[in-house]
Amino acid sequence: MTTQQERRHAPRYTAPDSVPLVCHVEHEGVKFDALVVDVGHGGIGAIVHDPAVRLEVGTVLARASIELPGHAP
């Protein structure tokens, strides 16, 4: 078991499994969806299921929107 020290200055909030949050992204001419797992002041943590999409930690996605279930886009 390893221990990691939390270095963030702002808290992160985990997206509940009961409310799936989908982030629609257009990046470098490619459109894809990502499942949001957590949200914080500095960004989001997300899972991309498309193996063709490669993002480095810290990548800024300027054209992205998060879909909230039950709300109009």
N, C-alpha and C. Protein backbone atom coordinates (compact mmCIF):
# COMPACT_ATOMS: atom_id res chain seq x y z
N MET A 1 0.84 -1.16 0.00
CA MET A 1 0.00 0.00 0.00
C MET A 1 0.89 1.23 0.00
N THR A 2 0.57 2.18 -0.86
CA THR A 2 1.32 3.42 -0.89
C THR A 2 0.42 4.56 -0.42
N THR A 3 1.05 5.57 0.10
CA THR A 3 0.32 6.74 0.58
C THR A 3 0.75 7.93 -0.25
N GLN A 4 -0.23 8.73 -0.68
CA GLN A 4 0.08 9.94 -1.43
C GLN A 4 -0.38 11.14 -0.62
N GLN A 5 0.45 12.18 -0.64
CA GLN A 5 0.09 13.41 0.05
C GLN A 5 -0.77 14.26 -0.89
N GLU A 6 -1.87 14.78 -0.40
CA GLU A 6 -2.75 15.65 -1.18
C GLU A 6 -2.08 17.01 -1.30
N ARG A 7 -1.82 17.45 -2.55
CA ARG A 7 -1.13 18.72 -2.78
C ARG A 7 -2.06 19.79 -3.30
N ARG A 8 -3.33 19.51 -3.43
CA ARG A 8 -4.26 20.49 -3.96
C ARG A 8 -4.57 21.55 -2.91
N HIS A 9 -4.81 22.77 -3.41
CA HIS A 9 -5.15 23.87 -2.51
C HIS A 9 -6.66 24.01 -2.35
N ALA A 10 -7.42 23.43 -3.25
CA ALA A 10 -8.89 23.50 -3.18
C ALA A 10 -9.44 22.08 -3.13
N PRO A 11 -10.57 21.89 -2.47
CA PRO A 11 -11.13 20.54 -2.37
C PRO A 11 -11.66 20.04 -3.71
N ARG A 12 -11.75 18.72 -3.84
CA ARG A 12 -12.34 18.08 -5.02
C ARG A 12 -13.61 17.40 -4.54
N TYR A 13 -14.60 17.39 -5.41
CA TYR A 13 -15.89 16.80 -5.07
C TYR A 13 -16.16 15.65 -6.03
N THR A 14 -16.39 14.47 -5.47
CA THR A 14 -16.63 13.28 -6.27
C THR A 14 -18.04 13.30 -6.84
N ALA A 15 -18.14 13.00 -8.12
CA ALA A 15 -19.46 12.90 -8.76
C ALA A 15 -20.09 11.58 -8.33
N PRO A 16 -21.31 11.62 -7.80
CA PRO A 16 -21.95 10.39 -7.34
C PRO A 16 -22.30 9.48 -8.51
N ASP A 17 -22.20 8.17 -8.28
CA ASP A 17 -22.56 7.20 -9.32
C ASP A 17 -24.02 7.33 -9.74
N SER A 18 -24.87 7.80 -8.83
CA SER A 18 -26.30 7.92 -9.12
C SER A 18 -26.62 9.07 -10.06
N VAL A 19 -25.66 9.98 -10.28
CA VAL A 19 -25.85 11.13 -11.17
C VAL A 19 -24.69 11.16 -12.17
N PRO A 20 -24.80 10.38 -13.25
CA PRO A 20 -23.69 10.35 -14.21
C PRO A 20 -23.54 11.70 -14.92
N LEU A 21 -22.36 12.27 -14.82
CA LEU A 21 -22.07 13.55 -15.47
C LEU A 21 -21.22 13.27 -16.71
N VAL A 22 -21.70 13.69 -17.86
CA VAL A 22 -20.98 13.48 -19.11
C VAL A 22 -20.43 14.82 -19.59
N CYS A 23 -19.16 14.84 -19.93
CA CYS A 23 -18.51 16.03 -20.46
C CYS A 23 -18.35 15.83 -21.97
N HIS A 24 -18.97 16.72 -22.75
CA HIS A 24 -18.86 16.69 -24.20
C HIS A 24 -17.69 17.60 -24.57
N VAL A 25 -16.74 17.06 -25.34
CA VAL A 25 -15.50 17.77 -25.61
C VAL A 25 -15.22 17.84 -27.10
N GLU A 26 -14.67 18.97 -27.53
CA GLU A 26 -14.07 19.09 -28.86
C GLU A 26 -12.66 19.61 -28.63
N HIS A 27 -11.67 18.80 -29.00
CA HIS A 27 -10.27 19.15 -28.74
C HIS A 27 -9.43 18.78 -29.94
N GLU A 28 -8.76 19.76 -30.51
CA GLU A 28 -7.88 19.56 -31.67
C GLU A 28 -8.62 18.86 -32.81
N GLY A 29 -9.86 19.29 -33.04
CA GLY A 29 -10.66 18.75 -34.14
C GLY A 29 -11.32 17.42 -33.88
N VAL A 30 -11.17 16.87 -32.68
CA VAL A 30 -11.76 15.58 -32.33
C VAL A 30 -12.87 15.80 -31.31
N LYS A 31 -14.05 15.20 -31.54
CA LYS A 31 -15.14 15.27 -30.58
C LYS A 31 -15.23 13.94 -29.83
N PHE A 32 -15.40 14.03 -28.51
CA PHE A 32 -15.54 12.82 -27.70
C PHE A 32 -16.27 13.15 -26.41
N ASP A 33 -16.71 12.12 -25.72
CA ASP A 33 -17.37 12.28 -24.42
C ASP A 33 -16.48 11.67 -23.34
N ALA A 34 -16.58 12.23 -22.14
CA ALA A 34 -15.84 11.73 -21.00
C ALA A 34 -16.78 11.65 -19.80
N LEU A 35 -16.59 10.67 -18.96
CA LEU A 35 -17.37 10.51 -17.74
C LEU A 35 -16.66 11.27 -16.62
N VAL A 36 -17.31 12.26 -16.04
CA VAL A 36 -16.71 13.08 -14.98
C VAL A 36 -16.73 12.27 -13.68
N VAL A 37 -15.56 12.17 -13.03
CA VAL A 37 -15.47 11.45 -11.77
C VAL A 37 -15.30 12.38 -10.57
N ASP A 38 -14.67 13.55 -10.80
CA ASP A 38 -14.59 14.54 -9.73
C ASP A 38 -14.41 15.93 -10.32
N VAL A 39 -14.75 16.94 -9.49
CA VAL A 39 -14.71 18.33 -9.91
C VAL A 39 -14.04 19.15 -8.82
N GLY A 40 -13.20 20.09 -9.23
CA GLY A 40 -12.55 20.98 -8.28
C GLY A 40 -12.32 22.33 -8.93
N HIS A 41 -11.80 23.26 -8.17
CA HIS A 41 -11.56 24.62 -8.66
C HIS A 41 -10.64 24.63 -9.89
N GLY A 42 -9.67 23.75 -9.91
CA GLY A 42 -8.69 23.74 -10.99
C GLY A 42 -9.06 22.87 -12.17
N GLY A 43 -10.20 22.20 -12.13
CA GLY A 43 -10.58 21.36 -13.27
C GLY A 43 -11.39 20.15 -12.85
N ILE A 44 -11.43 19.18 -13.77
CA ILE A 44 -12.19 17.96 -13.51
C ILE A 44 -11.30 16.75 -13.68
N GLY A 45 -11.72 15.66 -13.06
CA GLY A 45 -11.13 14.36 -13.32
C GLY A 45 -12.15 13.60 -14.14
N ALA A 46 -11.73 12.98 -15.24
CA ALA A 46 -12.68 12.31 -16.12
C ALA A 46 -12.07 11.05 -16.71
N ILE A 47 -12.96 10.17 -17.13
CA ILE A 47 -12.56 8.93 -17.78
C ILE A 47 -13.00 9.00 -19.23
N VAL A 48 -12.05 8.78 -20.13
CA VAL A 48 -12.34 8.75 -21.57
C VAL A 48 -12.21 7.29 -22.01
N HIS A 49 -13.28 6.74 -22.59
CA HIS A 49 -13.28 5.34 -22.97
C HIS A 49 -12.78 5.10 -24.39
N ASP A 50 -12.43 6.15 -25.12
CA ASP A 50 -11.95 6.02 -26.49
C ASP A 50 -10.43 5.92 -26.48
N PRO A 51 -9.87 4.76 -26.83
CA PRO A 51 -8.41 4.60 -26.76
C PRO A 51 -7.66 5.49 -27.75
N ALA A 52 -8.35 6.03 -28.74
CA ALA A 52 -7.71 6.92 -29.71
C ALA A 52 -7.48 8.32 -29.13
N VAL A 53 -8.15 8.64 -28.03
CA VAL A 53 -8.01 9.97 -27.42
C VAL A 53 -6.93 9.90 -26.35
N ARG A 54 -5.90 10.70 -26.53
CA ARG A 54 -4.79 10.76 -25.56
C ARG A 54 -4.70 12.18 -25.02
N LEU A 55 -4.86 12.32 -23.71
CA LEU A 55 -4.76 13.62 -23.06
C LEU A 55 -3.70 13.55 -21.97
N GLU A 56 -2.87 14.55 -21.91
CA GLU A 56 -1.87 14.64 -20.85
C GLU A 56 -2.49 15.33 -19.64
N VAL A 57 -2.01 15.00 -18.47
CA VAL A 57 -2.46 15.68 -17.25
C VAL A 57 -2.21 17.17 -17.42
N GLY A 58 -3.21 17.97 -17.10
CA GLY A 58 -3.09 19.40 -17.22
C GLY A 58 -3.56 19.97 -18.55
N THR A 59 -4.00 19.11 -19.46
CA THR A 59 -4.51 19.58 -20.75
C THR A 59 -5.72 20.47 -20.52
N VAL A 60 -5.75 21.63 -21.15
CA VAL A 60 -6.87 22.55 -21.05
C VAL A 60 -7.82 22.26 -22.21
N LEU A 61 -9.07 21.97 -21.87
CA LEU A 61 -10.10 21.69 -22.88
C LEU A 61 -11.01 22.90 -22.96
N ALA A 62 -10.72 23.78 -23.91
CA ALA A 62 -11.44 25.05 -24.02
C ALA A 62 -12.87 24.87 -24.53
N ARG A 63 -13.11 23.83 -25.30
CA ARG A 63 -14.45 23.61 -25.85
C ARG A 63 -15.05 22.35 -25.21
N ALA A 64 -15.57 22.52 -24.02
CA ALA A 64 -16.15 21.40 -23.29
C ALA A 64 -17.37 21.86 -22.52
N SER A 65 -18.34 20.97 -22.37
CA SER A 65 -19.52 21.27 -21.56
C SER A 65 -19.94 20.02 -20.81
N ILE A 66 -20.44 20.22 -19.60
CA ILE A 66 -20.88 19.09 -18.78
C ILE A 66 -22.39 19.04 -18.82
N GLU A 67 -22.91 17.87 -19.15
CA GLU A 67 -24.36 17.64 -19.22
C GLU A 67 -24.86 17.19 -17.86
N LEU A 68 -25.80 17.93 -17.33
CA LEU A 68 -26.43 17.56 -16.05
C LEU A 68 -27.72 16.82 -16.34
N PRO A 69 -27.85 15.57 -15.87
CA PRO A 69 -29.07 14.80 -16.14
C PRO A 69 -30.31 15.54 -15.66
N GLY A 70 -31.35 15.57 -16.53
CA GLY A 70 -32.60 16.20 -16.18
C GLY A 70 -32.64 17.69 -16.43
N HIS A 71 -31.57 18.26 -17.00
CA HIS A 71 -31.51 19.69 -17.29
C HIS A 71 -31.26 19.90 -18.78
N ALA A 72 -31.85 20.93 -19.33
CA ALA A 72 -31.65 21.24 -20.74
C ALA A 72 -30.20 21.68 -20.94
N PRO A 73 -29.61 21.35 -22.10
CA PRO A 73 -28.21 21.74 -22.35
C PRO A 73 -28.06 23.26 -22.47
